[in-house]
Amino acid sequence: QVQLVESGGGLVQAGGSLRLSCAASGLTSRVYIMGWFRQAPGKEREFLAAISRSGASTSYADSVKGRFTISRDYAKNTVYLQMNSLKFEETAIYYCAADRTIRQAIGVEGNDYDYWGQGTQVTVSS
């Protein structure tokens, strides 16, 4: 049974940092593209970042480029999202996802991903 479990969310002041983790079980994460999304109340799910199977390629949404960094630890079967300079409007539930399809390009749509975690709440105070 595939499970993705996010952790590391919480309350942070605007301008602060958080590191989210996504621990995978029931799958070997190295064969999946791994991504991070978020969804704020009343808003659509938003792509944030993704990393290729090898870790050599990454993709970021323009809104987080330069502030967020995605990485993966194969030994721990875990993917991370380092978030710096957080903004009040980035309060949302953050989800990690796994894409098992062989693609030429990293998927940036939610429909590209096959497995999802339950999400972790990130609240940014002003």
C-alpha atoms as a PDB file:
ATOM      1  CA  GLN A   1       0.000   0.000   0.000  1.00  0.00           C
ATOM      2  CA  VAL A   2       1.429   3.306  -1.090  1.00  0.00           C
ATOM      3  CA  GLN A   3       1.585   5.994   1.548  1.00  0.00           C
ATOM      4  CA  LEU A   4       2.943   9.519   1.417  1.00  0.00           C
ATOM      5  CA  VAL A   5       3.094  11.245   4.775  1.00  0.00           C
ATOM      6  CA  GLU A   6       3.869  14.942   5.004  1.00  0.00           C
ATOM      7  CA  SER A   7       5.249  16.623   8.098  1.00  0.00           C
ATOM      8  CA  GLY A   8       6.906  19.860   9.088  1.00  0.00           C
ATOM      9  CA  GLY A   9       3.995  22.211   8.710  1.00  0.00           C
ATOM     10  CA  GLY A  10       3.035  24.680  11.395  1.00  0.00           C
ATOM     11  CA  LEU A  11       2.758  28.333  12.270  1.00  0.00           C
ATOM     12  CA  VAL A  12       5.453  30.716  11.074  1.00  0.00           C
ATOM     13  CA  GLN A  13       5.741  34.478  10.840  1.00  0.00           C
ATOM     14  CA  ALA A  14       5.870  36.165   7.477  1.00  0.00           C
ATOM     15  CA  GLY A  15       9.440  36.155   6.243  1.00  0.00           C
ATOM     16  CA  GLY A  16      10.211  32.972   8.110  1.00  0.00           C
ATOM     17  CA  SER A  17      11.135  29.500   6.924  1.00  0.00           C
ATOM     18  CA  LEU A  18       9.849  25.969   7.168  1.00  0.00           C
ATOM     19  CA  ARG A  19      11.039  22.648   5.816  1.00  0.00           C
ATOM     20  CA  LEU A  20       8.406  20.142   4.825  1.00  0.00           C
ATOM     21  CA  SER A  21       9.114  16.442   4.568  1.00  0.00           C
ATOM     22  CA  CYS A  22       7.289  13.734   2.650  1.00  0.00           C
ATOM     23  CA  ALA A  23       8.067  10.186   3.700  1.00  0.00           C
ATOM     24  CA  ALA A  24       7.122   7.513   1.183  1.00  0.00           C
ATOM     25  CA  SER A  25       6.273   3.917   1.974  1.00  0.00           C
ATOM     26  CA  GLY A  26       4.999   1.123  -0.206  1.00  0.00           C
ATOM     27  CA  LEU A  27       6.959   2.484  -3.109  1.00  0.00           C
ATOM     28  CA  THR A  28      10.535   3.186  -3.973  1.00  0.00           C
ATOM     29  CA  SER A  29      10.476   6.924  -4.450  1.00  0.00           C
ATOM     30  CA  ARG A  30      13.450   6.889  -6.800  1.00  0.00           C
ATOM     31  CA  VAL A  31      11.227   5.525  -9.576  1.00  0.00           C
ATOM     32  CA  TYR A  32       8.759   8.359  -9.207  1.00  0.00           C
ATOM     33  CA  ILE A  33       8.790  12.023 -10.015  1.00  0.00           C
ATOM     34  CA  MET A  34       7.921  13.719  -6.746  1.00  0.00           C
ATOM     35  CA  GLY A  35       6.062  16.987  -6.476  1.00  0.00           C
ATOM     36  CA  TRP A  36       4.660  19.490  -3.998  1.00  0.00           C
ATOM     37  CA  PHE A  37       1.343  21.306  -4.310  1.00  0.00           C
ATOM     38  CA  ARG A  38      -0.718  23.499  -2.035  1.00  0.00           C
ATOM     39  CA  GLN A  39      -4.338  24.479  -1.705  1.00  0.00           C
ATOM     40  CA  ALA A  40      -5.623  27.497   0.161  1.00  0.00           C
ATOM     41  CA  PRO A  41      -9.251  27.807   1.285  1.00  0.00           C
ATOM     42  CA  GLY A  42     -11.479  28.715  -1.621  1.00  0.00           C
ATOM     43  CA  LYS A  43      -8.664  28.395  -4.133  1.00  0.00           C
ATOM     44  CA  GLU A  44      -7.600  25.779  -6.639  1.00  0.00           C
ATOM     45  CA  ARG A  45      -4.727  23.420  -6.020  1.00  0.00           C
ATOM     46  CA  GLU A  46      -1.443  24.998  -7.077  1.00  0.00           C
ATOM     47  CA  PHE A  47       1.732  23.353  -8.298  1.00  0.00           C
ATOM     48  CA  LEU A  48       4.840  24.419  -6.397  1.00  0.00           C
ATOM     49  CA  ALA A  49       7.806  22.241  -7.263  1.00  0.00           C
ATOM     50  CA  ALA A  50       8.820  18.840  -8.554  1.00  0.00           C
ATOM     51  CA  ILE A  51      11.982  16.800  -8.860  1.00  0.00           C
ATOM     52  CA  SER A  52      12.934  14.155 -11.387  1.00  0.00           C
ATOM     53  CA  ARG A  53      13.689  10.534 -10.629  1.00  0.00           C
ATOM     54  CA  SER A  54      17.414  11.119 -10.734  1.00  0.00           C
ATOM     55  CA  GLY A  55      17.202  14.383  -8.829  1.00  0.00           C
ATOM     56  CA  ALA A  56      19.072  16.109 -11.611  1.00  0.00           C
ATOM     57  CA  SER A  57      16.097  18.150 -12.789  1.00  0.00           C
ATOM     58  CA  THR A  58      13.691  20.327 -10.892  1.00  0.00           C
ATOM     59  CA  SER A  59      10.756  22.513 -11.807  1.00  0.00           C
ATOM     60  CA  TYR A  60       9.286  25.413  -9.839  1.00  0.00           C
ATOM     61  CA  ALA A  61       6.261  27.618 -10.098  1.00  0.00           C
ATOM     62  CA  ASP A  62       7.191  31.224 -10.790  1.00  0.00           C
ATOM     63  CA  SER A  63       5.565  32.247  -7.512  1.00  0.00           C
ATOM     64  CA  VAL A  64       8.088  30.270  -5.446  1.00  0.00           C
ATOM     65  CA  LYS A  65      11.179  30.271  -7.648  1.00  0.00           C
ATOM     66  CA  GLY A  66      14.187  31.476  -5.699  1.00  0.00           C
ATOM     67  CA  ARG A  67      12.497  30.973  -2.332  1.00  0.00           C
ATOM     68  CA  PHE A  68      11.565  27.271  -2.293  1.00  0.00           C
ATOM     69  CA  THR A  69      13.898  24.333  -2.871  1.00  0.00           C
ATOM     70  CA  ILE A  70      12.878  20.738  -3.481  1.00  0.00           C
ATOM     71  CA  SER A  71      15.253  17.889  -2.734  1.00  0.00           C
ATOM     72  CA  ARG A  72      15.158  14.167  -2.156  1.00  0.00           C
ATOM     73  CA  ASP A  73      16.976  11.655   0.016  1.00  0.00           C
ATOM     74  CA  TYR A  74      16.929   8.226  -1.594  1.00  0.00           C
ATOM     75  CA  ALA A  75      18.235   6.442   1.484  1.00  0.00           C
ATOM     76  CA  LYS A  76      15.351   7.806   3.552  1.00  0.00           C
ATOM     77  CA  ASN A  77      12.797   7.569   0.720  1.00  0.00           C
ATOM     78  CA  THR A  78      11.895  11.144   1.568  1.00  0.00           C
ATOM     79  CA  VAL A  79      11.347  14.349  -0.361  1.00  0.00           C
ATOM     80  CA  TYR A  80      11.763  17.790   1.161  1.00  0.00           C
ATOM     81  CA  LEU A  81      10.538  21.278   0.434  1.00  0.00           C
ATOM     82  CA  GLN A  82      12.567  24.063   1.987  1.00  0.00           C
ATOM     83  CA  MET A  83      10.468  27.216   2.084  1.00  0.00           C
ATOM     84  CA  ASN A  84      12.058  30.580   2.782  1.00  0.00           C
ATOM     85  CA  SER A  85      10.680  34.122   2.922  1.00  0.00           C
ATOM     86  CA  LEU A  86       7.160  32.837   3.442  1.00  0.00           C
ATOM     87  CA  LYS A  87       4.303  35.208   2.776  1.00  0.00           C
ATOM     88  CA  PHE A  88       0.984  35.596   4.556  1.00  0.00           C
ATOM     89  CA  GLU A  89      -0.912  34.577   1.424  1.00  0.00           C
ATOM     90  CA  GLU A  90       0.935  31.260   1.333  1.00  0.00           C
ATOM     91  CA  THR A  91      -1.150  29.911   4.168  1.00  0.00           C
ATOM     92  CA  ALA A  92      -2.500  26.625   2.818  1.00  0.00           C
ATOM     93  CA  ILE A  93      -2.462  22.874   3.102  1.00  0.00           C
ATOM     94  CA  TYR A  94       0.678  21.544   1.447  1.00  0.00           C
ATOM     95  CA  TYR A  95       0.619  18.175  -0.288  1.00  0.00           C
ATOM     96  CA  CYS A  96       3.264  15.935  -1.744  1.00  0.00           C
ATOM     97  CA  ALA A  97       2.547  13.676  -4.681  1.00  0.00           C
ATOM     98  CA  ALA A  98       4.195  10.915  -6.711  1.00  0.00           C
ATOM     99  CA  ASP A  99       4.064  10.460 -10.471  1.00  0.00           C
ATOM    100  CA  ARG A 100       4.830   6.962 -11.774  1.00  0.00           C
ATOM    101  CA  THR A 101       4.393   7.726 -15.469  1.00  0.00           C
ATOM    102  CA  ILE A 102       7.471   7.857 -17.643  1.00  0.00           C
ATOM    103  CA  ARG A 103       7.505  11.379 -19.064  1.00  0.00           C
ATOM    104  CA  GLN A 104       9.932  13.521 -20.943  1.00  0.00           C
ATOM    105  CA  ALA A 105       9.042  16.548 -18.893  1.00  0.00           C
ATOM    106  CA  ILE A 106       8.258  16.944 -15.211  1.00  0.00           C
ATOM    107  CA  GLY A 107       4.516  17.185 -14.737  1.00  0.00           C
ATOM    108  CA  VAL A 108       3.118  20.367 -13.249  1.00  0.00           C
ATOM    109  CA  GLU A 109      -0.544  19.412 -13.242  1.00  0.00           C
ATOM    110  CA  GLY A 110      -2.261  17.623 -10.415  1.00  0.00           C
ATOM    111  CA  ASN A 111      -3.615  15.070 -12.872  1.00  0.00           C
ATOM    112  CA  ASP A 112      -0.049  14.059 -13.699  1.00  0.00           C
ATOM    113  CA  TYR A 113       0.355  12.557 -10.237  1.00  0.00           C
ATOM    114  CA  ASP A 114      -0.891   9.173  -9.079  1.00  0.00           C
ATOM    115  CA  TYR A 115      -0.430   9.206  -5.305  1.00  0.00           C
ATOM    116  CA  TRP A 116      -1.047  11.946  -2.771  1.00  0.00           C
ATOM    117  CA  GLY A 117      -0.363  12.527   0.877  1.00  0.00           C
ATOM    118  CA  GLN A 118      -2.930  13.782   3.354  1.00  0.00           C
ATOM    119  CA  GLY A 119      -1.367  17.214   3.526  1.00  0.00           C
ATOM    120  CA  THR A 120       0.200  19.359   6.208  1.00  0.00           C
ATOM    121  CA  GLN A 121      -1.087  22.759   7.270  1.00  0.00           C
ATOM    122  CA  VAL A 122       1.179  25.762   6.890  1.00  0.00           C
ATOM    123  CA  THR A 123      -0.029  28.973   8.479  1.00  0.00           C
ATOM    124  CA  VAL A 124       1.885  32.191   7.880  1.00  0.00           C
ATOM    125  CA  SER A 125       1.074  35.007  10.258  1.00  0.00           C
ATOM    126  CA  SER A 126       1.411  38.624   9.221  1.00  0.00           C
END
